[in-house]
Amino acid sequence: MPEIDLSYYTWALLLVVSASIAWTTNFLALPGNWFVTGLAALFVWGMGTGDAAQGLNWHAVALLILLAAGGEALEFIAGAAGAAKKGGSRRAFALAVVGTIAGSIAGATMGLPIPLFGPLIGALAGGAGGAFAGAYLGEMWKHGDTEKSASVGMGAAIGRLLGTMGKVLMGAVMLVVLAVRVFSA
């Protein structure tokens, strides 16, 4: 019967818990998937090569890098497409990004009174609301047309919401890959 290395599994469990916490920062418009990738790379580097790292190795980290990049591309393309589809300006897009970050933080802080999930839902809704507000203000500043500004703002909010959900789902896939690889022999 093979001997179980408790120190490895303790570190592996700590990695999965830390990566899960890092993943939740995606809801705050932060690079949570990159935090997950960084934690995995730190784990592989700390464990060294060979049997010490077991199933999580540099090939798995490379896969996580590709998945994280895919999540970022999804978020960016969906967010940009939402505002661009409605004819938004670069100014509206730039302010939508700023609004997303501010709205996500405010939404997470105020959050819904639901344990654990309330702040995440609040951050998601706040990010969409911030994208709307930023794009709306950007279009009003540039063109002064209320109807067009509201349309661009709505496009930015929907695009940001869909983009963030895509990034969050990609991050969930990354967590599964990480957990499976770190606990495989």
N, C-alpha and C. Protein backbone atom coordinates (compact mmCIF):
# COMPACT_ATOMS: atom_id res chain seq x y z
N MET A 1 0.84 -1.18 0.00
CA MET A 1 0.00 0.00 0.00
C MET A 1 0.89 1.25 0.00
N PRO A 2 0.65 2.18 -0.97
CA PRO A 2 1.49 3.36 -1.06
C PRO A 2 1.27 4.30 0.14
N GLU A 3 2.35 4.94 0.53
CA GLU A 3 2.28 5.87 1.65
C GLU A 3 1.75 7.22 1.17
N ILE A 4 0.86 7.84 1.92
CA ILE A 4 0.27 9.12 1.56
C ILE A 4 1.14 10.24 2.12
N ASP A 5 1.50 11.17 1.26
CA ASP A 5 2.31 12.30 1.66
C ASP A 5 1.37 13.42 2.13
N LEU A 6 1.18 13.52 3.44
CA LEU A 6 0.25 14.49 4.00
C LEU A 6 0.66 15.92 3.72
N SER A 7 1.94 16.21 3.70
CA SER A 7 2.37 17.59 3.46
C SER A 7 1.97 18.02 2.04
N TYR A 8 2.13 17.13 1.07
CA TYR A 8 1.73 17.47 -0.30
C TYR A 8 0.25 17.75 -0.36
N TYR A 9 -0.56 16.87 0.22
CA TYR A 9 -2.00 17.05 0.14
C TYR A 9 -2.48 18.25 0.95
N THR A 10 -1.77 18.61 1.99
CA THR A 10 -2.10 19.82 2.72
C THR A 10 -1.86 21.05 1.84
N TRP A 11 -0.69 21.07 1.17
CA TRP A 11 -0.40 22.16 0.25
C TRP A 11 -1.37 22.18 -0.93
N ALA A 12 -1.71 21.01 -1.43
CA ALA A 12 -2.64 20.91 -2.56
C ALA A 12 -4.02 21.46 -2.17
N LEU A 13 -4.47 21.10 -0.99
CA LEU A 13 -5.77 21.61 -0.51
C LEU A 13 -5.71 23.12 -0.32
N LEU A 14 -4.62 23.61 0.23
CA LEU A 14 -4.44 25.05 0.39
C LEU A 14 -4.44 25.75 -0.97
N LEU A 15 -3.82 25.14 -1.96
CA LEU A 15 -3.81 25.69 -3.32
C LEU A 15 -5.23 25.79 -3.87
N VAL A 16 -6.00 24.73 -3.74
CA VAL A 16 -7.36 24.73 -4.30
C VAL A 16 -8.23 25.76 -3.59
N VAL A 17 -8.11 25.87 -2.28
CA VAL A 17 -8.90 26.86 -1.54
C VAL A 17 -8.47 28.27 -1.94
N SER A 18 -7.16 28.51 -2.01
CA SER A 18 -6.65 29.84 -2.40
C SER A 18 -7.07 30.19 -3.83
N ALA A 19 -7.00 29.23 -4.71
CA ALA A 19 -7.39 29.46 -6.10
C ALA A 19 -8.88 29.76 -6.20
N SER A 20 -9.69 29.11 -5.37
CA SER A 20 -11.13 29.37 -5.37
C SER A 20 -11.43 30.79 -4.90
N ILE A 21 -10.71 31.22 -3.89
CA ILE A 21 -10.87 32.59 -3.41
C ILE A 21 -10.41 33.58 -4.50
N ALA A 22 -9.29 33.29 -5.12
CA ALA A 22 -8.78 34.15 -6.19
C ALA A 22 -9.77 34.22 -7.35
N TRP A 23 -10.41 33.10 -7.65
CA TRP A 23 -11.39 33.05 -8.74
C TRP A 23 -12.54 34.03 -8.50
N THR A 24 -12.95 34.19 -7.25
CA THR A 24 -14.08 35.08 -6.96
C THR A 24 -13.77 36.54 -7.28
N THR A 25 -12.49 36.90 -7.41
CA THR A 25 -12.17 38.28 -7.75
C THR A 25 -12.55 38.63 -9.19
N ASN A 26 -12.88 37.61 -10.00
CA ASN A 26 -13.40 37.88 -11.34
C ASN A 26 -14.67 38.72 -11.26
N PHE A 27 -15.47 38.51 -10.21
CA PHE A 27 -16.71 39.25 -10.06
C PHE A 27 -16.45 40.73 -9.80
N LEU A 28 -15.26 41.07 -9.32
CA LEU A 28 -14.90 42.46 -9.03
C LEU A 28 -14.15 43.11 -10.20
N ALA A 29 -14.23 42.49 -11.36
CA ALA A 29 -13.54 42.97 -12.56
C ALA A 29 -12.02 42.96 -12.37
N LEU A 30 -11.54 42.07 -11.54
CA LEU A 30 -10.10 41.88 -11.34
C LEU A 30 -9.66 40.62 -12.09
N PRO A 31 -8.37 40.45 -12.30
CA PRO A 31 -7.88 39.29 -13.07
C PRO A 31 -7.81 38.00 -12.25
N GLY A 32 -8.94 37.53 -11.78
CA GLY A 32 -8.98 36.34 -10.93
C GLY A 32 -8.41 35.10 -11.59
N ASN A 33 -8.66 34.93 -12.89
CA ASN A 33 -8.14 33.75 -13.58
C ASN A 33 -6.62 33.78 -13.64
N TRP A 34 -6.05 34.98 -13.74
CA TRP A 34 -4.59 35.09 -13.74
C TRP A 34 -4.04 34.82 -12.34
N PHE A 35 -4.79 35.20 -11.31
CA PHE A 35 -4.37 34.88 -9.94
C PHE A 35 -4.33 33.36 -9.76
N VAL A 36 -5.34 32.67 -10.29
CA VAL A 36 -5.38 31.20 -10.21
C VAL A 36 -4.16 30.61 -10.90
N THR A 37 -3.86 31.12 -12.09
CA THR A 37 -2.70 30.64 -12.85
C THR A 37 -1.41 30.89 -12.09
N GLY A 38 -1.29 32.08 -11.51
CA GLY A 38 -0.10 32.41 -10.73
C GLY A 38 0.08 31.51 -9.52
N LEU A 39 -1.01 31.21 -8.84
CA LEU A 39 -0.94 30.31 -7.69
C LEU A 39 -0.50 28.91 -8.13
N ALA A 40 -1.02 28.45 -9.26
CA ALA A 40 -0.63 27.13 -9.77
C ALA A 40 0.86 27.11 -10.13
N ALA A 41 1.32 28.17 -10.77
CA ALA A 41 2.74 28.25 -11.13
C ALA A 41 3.62 28.29 -9.88
N LEU A 42 3.20 29.03 -8.88
CA LEU A 42 3.94 29.09 -7.62
C LEU A 42 4.00 27.72 -6.96
N PHE A 43 2.90 26.99 -7.01
CA PHE A 43 2.84 25.64 -6.44
C PHE A 43 3.81 24.71 -7.16
N VAL A 44 3.78 24.72 -8.50
CA VAL A 44 4.67 23.85 -9.27
C VAL A 44 6.12 24.22 -9.02
N TRP A 45 6.41 25.50 -9.00
CA TRP A 45 7.78 25.95 -8.74
C TRP A 45 8.23 25.53 -7.34
N GLY A 46 7.34 25.69 -6.36
CA GLY A 46 7.68 25.34 -4.98
C GLY A 46 7.85 23.83 -4.77
N MET A 47 7.07 23.05 -5.48
CA MET A 47 7.16 21.59 -5.35
C MET A 47 8.32 21.02 -6.15
N GLY A 48 8.79 21.77 -7.12
CA GLY A 48 9.88 21.27 -7.95
C GLY A 48 9.37 20.34 -9.04
N THR A 49 10.27 19.84 -9.80
CA THR A 49 9.89 18.93 -10.88
C THR A 49 9.95 17.50 -10.39
N GLY A 50 9.46 16.63 -11.18
CA GLY A 50 9.49 15.20 -10.83
C GLY A 50 8.25 14.78 -10.07
N ASP A 51 8.40 13.79 -9.22
CA ASP A 51 7.26 13.23 -8.50
C ASP A 51 6.68 14.17 -7.46
N ALA A 52 7.45 15.15 -6.99
CA ALA A 52 6.98 16.04 -5.93
C ALA A 52 5.74 16.83 -6.36
N ALA A 53 5.69 17.26 -7.62
CA ALA A 53 4.56 18.04 -8.11
C ALA A 53 3.39 17.15 -8.53
N GLN A 54 3.62 15.88 -8.67
CA GLN A 54 2.62 14.90 -9.08
C GLN A 54 1.92 15.33 -10.36
N GLY A 55 0.58 15.46 -10.36
CA GLY A 55 -0.16 15.73 -11.60
C GLY A 55 -0.12 17.16 -12.06
N LEU A 56 0.15 18.09 -11.15
CA LEU A 56 0.21 19.50 -11.55
C LEU A 56 1.65 19.81 -11.94
N ASN A 57 1.84 20.15 -13.22
CA ASN A 57 3.18 20.41 -13.73
C ASN A 57 3.13 21.63 -14.64
N TRP A 58 4.24 21.92 -15.29
CA TRP A 58 4.31 23.11 -16.13
C TRP A 58 3.39 23.01 -17.35
N HIS A 59 3.12 21.80 -17.81
CA HIS A 59 2.18 21.63 -18.93
C HIS A 59 0.77 22.05 -18.50
N ALA A 60 0.41 21.69 -17.27
CA ALA A 60 -0.90 22.09 -16.74
C ALA A 60 -0.96 23.61 -16.56
N VAL A 61 0.14 24.22 -16.13
CA VAL A 61 0.18 25.68 -15.98
C VAL A 61 0.02 26.34 -17.35
N ALA A 62 0.65 25.78 -18.37
CA ALA A 62 0.49 26.31 -19.73
C ALA A 62 -0.97 26.23 -20.18
N LEU A 63 -1.63 25.14 -19.85
CA LEU A 63 -3.06 25.01 -20.16
C LEU A 63 -3.87 26.07 -19.42
N LEU A 64 -3.54 26.31 -18.16
CA LEU A 64 -4.24 27.34 -17.39
C LEU A 64 -4.00 28.73 -17.99
N ILE A 65 -2.81 28.97 -18.51
CA ILE A 65 -2.52 30.25 -19.16
C ILE A 65 -3.42 30.42 -20.39
N LEU A 66 -3.54 29.37 -21.18
CA LEU A 66 -4.40 29.44 -22.37
C LEU A 66 -5.86 29.68 -21.98
N LEU A 67 -6.33 29.00 -20.95
CA LEU A 67 -7.71 29.18 -20.49
C LEU A 67 -7.94 30.59 -19.95
N ALA A 68 -6.98 31.11 -19.19
CA ALA A 68 -7.10 32.47 -18.65
C ALA A 68 -7.13 33.50 -19.79
N ALA A 69 -6.27 33.31 -20.78
CA ALA A 69 -6.26 34.22 -21.93
C ALA A 69 -7.59 34.15 -22.68
N GLY A 70 -8.14 32.94 -22.80
CA GLY A 70 -9.44 32.79 -23.44
C GLY A 70 -10.55 33.51 -22.67
N GLY A 71 -10.51 33.43 -21.36
CA GLY A 71 -11.49 34.13 -20.54
C GLY A 71 -11.39 35.64 -20.69
N GLU A 72 -10.16 36.15 -20.74
CA GLU A 72 -9.96 37.59 -20.92
C GLU A 72 -10.47 38.03 -22.29
N ALA A 73 -10.19 37.21 -23.31
CA ALA A 73 -10.66 37.54 -24.66
C ALA A 73 -12.19 37.56 -24.70
N LEU A 74 -12.82 36.58 -24.07
CA LEU A 74 -14.29 36.56 -24.01
C LEU A 74 -14.83 37.83 -23.35
N GLU A 75 -14.25 38.19 -22.22
CA GLU A 75 -14.73 39.37 -21.50
C GLU A 75 -14.54 40.64 -22.33
N PHE A 76 -13.37 40.80 -22.92
CA PHE A 76 -13.09 42.00 -23.68
C PHE A 76 -13.96 42.11 -24.92
N ILE A 77 -14.05 41.01 -25.66
CA ILE A 77 -14.82 41.04 -26.91
C ILE A 77 -16.30 41.29 -26.63
N ALA A 78 -16.85 40.62 -25.62
CA ALA A 78 -18.27 40.81 -25.31
C ALA A 78 -18.53 42.23 -24.83
N GLY A 79 -17.65 42.76 -23.99
CA GLY A 79 -17.83 44.12 -23.48
C GLY A 79 -17.72 45.15 -24.59
N ALA A 80 -16.73 44.99 -25.45
CA ALA A 80 -16.55 45.94 -26.55
C ALA A 80 -17.67 45.81 -27.57
N ALA A 81 -18.08 44.60 -27.85
CA ALA A 81 -19.13 44.38 -28.84
C ALA A 81 -20.46 44.96 -28.38
N GLY A 82 -20.71 44.89 -27.07
CA GLY A 82 -21.98 45.42 -26.56
C GLY A 82 -22.12 46.91 -26.82
N ALA A 83 -21.07 47.68 -26.54
CA ALA A 83 -21.12 49.12 -26.77
C ALA A 83 -20.98 49.45 -28.25
N ALA A 84 -20.11 48.72 -28.95
CA ALA A 84 -19.88 49.00 -30.37
C ALA A 84 -21.12 48.69 -31.21
N LYS A 85 -21.87 47.68 -30.81
CA LYS A 85 -23.08 47.31 -31.56
C LYS A 85 -24.09 48.45 -31.57
N LYS A 86 -24.06 49.24 -30.52
CA LYS A 86 -24.98 50.37 -30.41
C LYS A 86 -24.36 51.67 -30.91
N GLY A 87 -23.15 51.58 -31.48
CA GLY A 87 -22.49 52.75 -32.04
C GLY A 87 -21.74 53.60 -31.02
N GLY A 88 -21.27 52.99 -29.97
CA GLY A 88 -20.57 53.71 -28.91
C GLY A 88 -19.19 54.19 -29.33
N SER A 89 -18.76 55.27 -28.70
CA SER A 89 -17.45 55.84 -28.98
C SER A 89 -16.38 55.19 -28.10
N ARG A 90 -15.12 55.48 -28.41
CA ARG A 90 -14.02 54.98 -27.58
C ARG A 90 -14.11 55.57 -26.17
N ARG A 91 -14.56 56.80 -26.08
CA ARG A 91 -14.71 57.44 -24.79
C ARG A 91 -15.75 56.68 -23.95
N ALA A 92 -16.84 56.28 -24.58
CA ALA A 92 -17.88 55.53 -23.88
C ALA A 92 -17.34 54.18 -23.41
N PHE A 93 -16.55 53.54 -24.26
CA PHE A 93 -15.97 52.26 -23.89
C PHE A 93 -15.00 52.41 -22.72
N ALA A 94 -14.13 53.43 -22.78
CA ALA A 94 -13.15 53.65 -21.71
C ALA A 94 -13.85 53.94 -20.38
N LEU A 95 -14.86 54.78 -20.41
CA LEU A 95 -15.59 55.08 -19.17
C LEU A 95 -16.41 53.89 -18.70
N ALA A 96 -16.84 53.04 -19.62
CA ALA A 96 -17.56 51.82 -19.23
C ALA A 96 -16.63 50.89 -18.45
N VAL A 97 -15.37 50.82 -18.84
CA VAL A 97 -14.40 49.99 -18.11
C VAL A 97 -14.20 50.54 -16.70
N VAL A 98 -14.02 51.85 -16.59
CA VAL A 98 -13.85 52.48 -15.27
C VAL A 98 -15.11 52.27 -14.43
N GLY A 99 -16.26 52.46 -15.05
CA GLY A 99 -17.54 52.26 -14.35
C GLY A 99 -17.72 50.82 -13.90
N THR A 100 -17.26 49.88 -14.70
CA THR A 100 -17.36 48.47 -14.34
C THR A 100 -16.59 48.18 -13.06
N ILE A 101 -15.37 48.66 -12.98
CA ILE A 101 -14.54 48.41 -11.79
C ILE A 101 -15.17 49.06 -10.57
N ALA A 102 -15.55 50.34 -10.69
CA ALA A 102 -16.15 51.05 -9.55
C ALA A 102 -17.47 50.40 -9.15
N GLY A 103 -18.29 50.06 -10.13
CA GLY A 103 -19.58 49.44 -9.84
C GLY A 103 -19.45 48.06 -9.23
N SER A 104 -18.46 47.31 -9.67
CA SER A 104 -18.23 45.97 -9.11
C SER A 104 -17.84 46.05 -7.64
N ILE A 105 -16.96 46.97 -7.33
CA ILE A 105 -16.53 47.12 -5.94
C ILE A 105 -17.68 47.61 -5.08
N ALA A 106 -18.42 48.60 -5.57
CA ALA A 106 -19.57 49.11 -4.82
C ALA A 106 -20.63 48.02 -4.64
N GLY A 107 -20.90 47.27 -5.70
CA GLY A 107 -21.89 46.20 -5.62
C GLY A 107 -21.49 45.10 -4.65
N ALA A 108 -20.22 44.77 -4.63
CA ALA A 108 -19.75 43.74 -3.70
C ALA A 108 -19.82 44.24 -2.27
N THR A 109 -19.53 45.52 -2.08
CA THR A 109 -19.57 46.10 -0.74
C THR A 109 -20.99 46.15 -0.21
N MET A 110 -21.91 46.58 -1.05
CA MET A 110 -23.31 46.68 -0.61
C MET A 110 -24.00 45.33 -0.68
N GLY A 111 -23.61 44.51 -1.66
CA GLY A 111 -24.11 43.15 -1.83
C GLY A 111 -25.51 42.85 -1.35
N LEU A 112 -26.02 41.76 -1.76
CA LEU A 112 -27.32 41.29 -1.29
C LEU A 112 -27.13 40.57 0.04
N PRO A 113 -28.16 40.55 0.89
CA PRO A 113 -28.01 39.89 2.19
C PRO A 113 -28.10 38.36 2.10
N ILE A 114 -27.42 37.80 1.14
CA ILE A 114 -27.37 36.35 0.97
C ILE A 114 -25.94 35.93 1.29
N PRO A 115 -25.75 35.07 2.29
CA PRO A 115 -24.38 34.69 2.64
C PRO A 115 -23.61 34.15 1.43
N LEU A 116 -22.36 34.54 1.34
CA LEU A 116 -21.41 34.13 0.32
C LEU A 116 -21.76 34.63 -1.08
N PHE A 117 -22.97 34.34 -1.57
CA PHE A 117 -23.31 34.68 -2.95
C PHE A 117 -23.80 36.11 -3.11
N GLY A 118 -24.28 36.74 -2.05
CA GLY A 118 -24.79 38.10 -2.13
C GLY A 118 -23.78 39.09 -2.66
N PRO A 119 -22.57 39.14 -2.08
CA PRO A 119 -21.57 40.07 -2.61
C PRO A 119 -21.16 39.76 -4.06
N LEU A 120 -21.14 38.48 -4.42
CA LEU A 120 -20.78 38.12 -5.80
C LEU A 120 -21.84 38.60 -6.79
N ILE A 121 -23.10 38.38 -6.44
CA ILE A 121 -24.19 38.84 -7.30
C ILE A 121 -24.21 40.37 -7.34
N GLY A 122 -23.97 40.99 -6.16
CA GLY A 122 -23.90 42.45 -6.10
C GLY A 122 -22.79 43.00 -6.97
N ALA A 123 -21.64 42.33 -6.95
CA ALA A 123 -20.51 42.78 -7.78
C ALA A 123 -20.82 42.65 -9.26
N LEU A 124 -21.49 41.57 -9.62
CA LEU A 124 -21.85 41.36 -11.02
C LEU A 124 -22.85 42.42 -11.49
N ALA A 125 -23.88 42.64 -10.67
CA ALA A 125 -24.89 43.66 -11.01
C ALA A 125 -24.28 45.06 -10.98
N GLY A 126 -23.43 45.32 -9.99
CA GLY A 126 -22.77 46.62 -9.90
C GLY A 126 -21.86 46.88 -11.09
N GLY A 127 -21.18 45.84 -11.55
CA GLY A 127 -20.31 45.98 -12.72
C GLY A 127 -21.11 46.33 -13.97
N ALA A 128 -22.25 45.66 -14.14
CA ALA A 128 -23.11 45.96 -15.30
C ALA A 128 -23.67 47.37 -15.18
N GLY A 129 -24.09 47.75 -13.97
CA GLY A 129 -24.61 49.11 -13.76
C GLY A 129 -23.53 50.16 -13.98
N GLY A 130 -22.32 49.87 -13.52
CA GLY A 130 -21.21 50.79 -13.73
C GLY A 130 -20.85 50.92 -15.19
N ALA A 131 -20.91 49.81 -15.93
CA ALA A 131 -20.64 49.86 -17.38
C ALA A 131 -21.69 50.72 -18.07
N PHE A 132 -22.95 50.56 -17.66
CA PHE A 132 -24.02 51.39 -18.22
C PHE A 132 -23.74 52.86 -17.95
N ALA A 133 -23.47 53.18 -16.68
CA ALA A 133 -23.26 54.58 -16.29
C ALA A 133 -22.06 55.18 -17.02
N GLY A 134 -20.96 54.43 -17.08
CA GLY A 134 -19.77 54.94 -17.75
C GLY A 134 -20.00 55.18 -19.23
N ALA A 135 -20.62 54.21 -19.90
CA ALA A 135 -20.87 54.36 -21.34
C ALA A 135 -21.87 55.49 -21.60
N TYR A 136 -22.87 55.58 -20.75
CA TYR A 136 -23.87 56.65 -20.89
C TYR A 136 -23.20 58.02 -20.76
N LEU A 137 -22.38 58.18 -19.71
CA LEU A 137 -21.69 59.46 -19.51
C LEU A 137 -20.72 59.76 -20.65
N GLY A 138 -20.02 58.75 -21.13
CA GLY A 138 -19.09 58.94 -22.24
C GLY A 138 -19.79 59.40 -23.50
N GLU A 139 -20.93 58.81 -23.80
CA GLU A 139 -21.68 59.21 -25.00
C GLU A 139 -22.31 60.58 -24.82
N MET A 140 -22.81 60.87 -23.62
CA MET A 140 -23.37 62.20 -23.38
C MET A 140 -22.29 63.28 -23.52
N TRP A 141 -21.11 62.97 -23.02
CA TRP A 141 -19.99 63.90 -23.10
C TRP A 141 -19.60 64.14 -24.56
N LYS A 142 -19.61 63.07 -25.34
CA LYS A 142 -19.17 63.16 -26.74
C LYS A 142 -20.26 63.75 -27.65
N HIS A 143 -21.51 63.25 -27.50
CA HIS A 143 -22.56 63.62 -28.45
C HIS A 143 -23.73 64.38 -27.83
N GLY A 144 -24.00 64.19 -26.57
CA GLY A 144 -25.10 64.89 -25.91
C GLY A 144 -26.49 64.37 -26.25
N ASP A 145 -26.58 63.20 -26.88
CA ASP A 145 -27.87 62.63 -27.26
C ASP A 145 -28.29 61.60 -26.20
N THR A 146 -29.35 61.92 -25.47
CA THR A 146 -29.80 61.07 -24.36
C THR A 146 -30.22 59.69 -24.83
N GLU A 147 -30.98 59.62 -25.89
CA GLU A 147 -31.49 58.33 -26.37
C GLU A 147 -30.35 57.42 -26.84
N LYS A 148 -29.44 57.98 -27.61
CA LYS A 148 -28.30 57.18 -28.08
C LYS A 148 -27.40 56.78 -26.91
N SER A 149 -27.21 57.70 -25.97
CA SER A 149 -26.37 57.40 -24.81
C SER A 149 -26.96 56.26 -23.98
N ALA A 150 -28.26 56.26 -23.81
CA ALA A 150 -28.92 55.17 -23.06
C ALA A 150 -28.79 53.85 -23.80
N SER A 151 -28.91 53.90 -25.12
CA SER A 151 -28.78 52.68 -25.92
C SER A 151 -27.36 52.12 -25.83
N VAL A 152 -26.36 52.99 -25.94
CA VAL A 152 -24.96 52.56 -25.83
C VAL A 152 -24.70 52.02 -24.43
N GLY A 153 -25.24 52.71 -23.43
CA GLY A 153 -25.07 52.26 -22.05
C GLY A 153 -25.67 50.88 -21.83
N MET A 154 -26.84 50.64 -22.38
CA MET A 154 -27.47 49.33 -22.24
C MET A 154 -26.66 48.25 -22.95
N GLY A 155 -26.15 48.58 -24.12
CA GLY A 155 -25.29 47.63 -24.84
C GLY A 155 -24.03 47.31 -24.06
N ALA A 156 -23.44 48.33 -23.45
CA ALA A 156 -22.22 48.12 -22.64
C ALA A 156 -22.53 47.25 -21.42
N ALA A 157 -23.67 47.50 -20.78
CA ALA A 157 -24.04 46.73 -19.58
C ALA A 157 -24.28 45.27 -19.93
N ILE A 158 -25.02 45.02 -20.99
CA ILE A 158 -25.29 43.64 -21.40
C ILE A 158 -24.00 42.95 -21.83
N GLY A 159 -23.20 43.64 -22.62
CA GLY A 159 -21.91 43.07 -23.05
C GLY A 159 -21.01 42.75 -21.88
N ARG A 160 -20.94 43.66 -20.91
CA ARG A 160 -20.09 43.44 -19.73
C ARG A 160 -20.62 42.26 -18.92
N LEU A 161 -21.92 42.18 -18.75
CA LEU A 161 -22.52 41.08 -17.99
C LEU A 161 -22.21 39.74 -18.66
N LEU A 162 -22.41 39.66 -19.96
CA LEU A 162 -22.13 38.42 -20.69
C LEU A 162 -20.63 38.10 -20.69
N GLY A 163 -19.82 39.13 -20.87
CA GLY A 163 -18.36 38.92 -20.87
C GLY A 163 -17.86 38.44 -19.52
N THR A 164 -18.36 39.04 -18.46
CA THR A 164 -17.94 38.62 -17.12
C THR A 164 -18.40 37.20 -16.83
N MET A 165 -19.60 36.86 -17.24
CA MET A 165 -20.08 35.50 -17.03
C MET A 165 -19.22 34.49 -17.81
N GLY A 166 -18.83 34.85 -19.03
CA GLY A 166 -17.94 33.98 -19.80
C GLY A 166 -16.60 33.79 -19.11
N LYS A 167 -16.06 34.88 -18.57
CA LYS A 167 -14.78 34.81 -17.87
C LYS A 167 -14.90 33.99 -16.59
N VAL A 168 -15.99 34.17 -15.88
CA VAL A 168 -16.23 33.41 -14.65
C VAL A 168 -16.36 31.92 -14.96
N LEU A 169 -17.09 31.59 -16.01
CA LEU A 169 -17.23 30.18 -16.39
C LEU A 169 -15.89 29.58 -16.83
N MET A 170 -15.09 30.36 -17.54
CA MET A 170 -13.76 29.88 -17.93
C MET A 170 -12.91 29.65 -16.68
N GLY A 171 -13.06 30.53 -15.71
CA GLY A 171 -12.35 30.35 -14.44
C GLY A 171 -12.80 29.11 -13.70
N ALA A 172 -14.08 28.79 -13.78
CA ALA A 172 -14.58 27.57 -13.14
C ALA A 172 -13.97 26.33 -13.80
N VAL A 173 -13.83 26.38 -15.11
CA VAL A 173 -13.15 25.28 -15.82
C VAL A 173 -11.71 25.18 -15.34
N MET A 174 -11.06 26.32 -15.15
CA MET A 174 -9.68 26.33 -14.67
C MET A 174 -9.58 25.69 -13.28
N LEU A 175 -10.54 25.99 -12.42
CA LEU A 175 -10.52 25.40 -11.08
C LEU A 175 -10.67 23.88 -11.13
N VAL A 176 -11.52 23.41 -12.03
CA VAL A 176 -11.69 21.96 -12.18
C VAL A 176 -10.40 21.33 -12.68
N VAL A 177 -9.79 21.94 -13.70
CA VAL A 177 -8.53 21.42 -14.23
C VAL A 177 -7.47 21.40 -13.13
N LEU A 178 -7.39 22.49 -12.38
CA LEU A 178 -6.40 22.59 -11.30
C LEU A 178 -6.63 21.50 -10.25
N ALA A 179 -7.86 21.35 -9.80
CA ALA A 179 -8.16 20.37 -8.76
C ALA A 179 -7.90 18.95 -9.23
N VAL A 180 -8.30 18.65 -10.46
CA VAL A 180 -8.09 17.30 -10.98
C VAL A 180 -6.59 17.03 -11.11
N ARG A 181 -5.86 18.00 -11.65
CA ARG A 181 -4.42 17.77 -11.86
C ARG A 181 -3.65 17.70 -10.55
N VAL A 182 -3.98 18.56 -9.58
CA VAL A 182 -3.20 18.58 -8.35
C VAL A 182 -3.45 17.34 -7.50
N PHE A 183 -4.63 16.74 -7.63
CA PHE A 183 -4.93 15.54 -6.84
C PHE A 183 -4.76 14.24 -7.61
N SER A 184 -4.26 14.32 -8.86
CA SER A 184 -3.99 13.09 -9.60
C SER A 184 -2.54 12.69 -9.39
N ALA A 185 -2.32 11.42 -9.39
CA ALA A 185 -0.96 10.93 -9.12
C ALA A 185 -0.20 10.69 -10.41
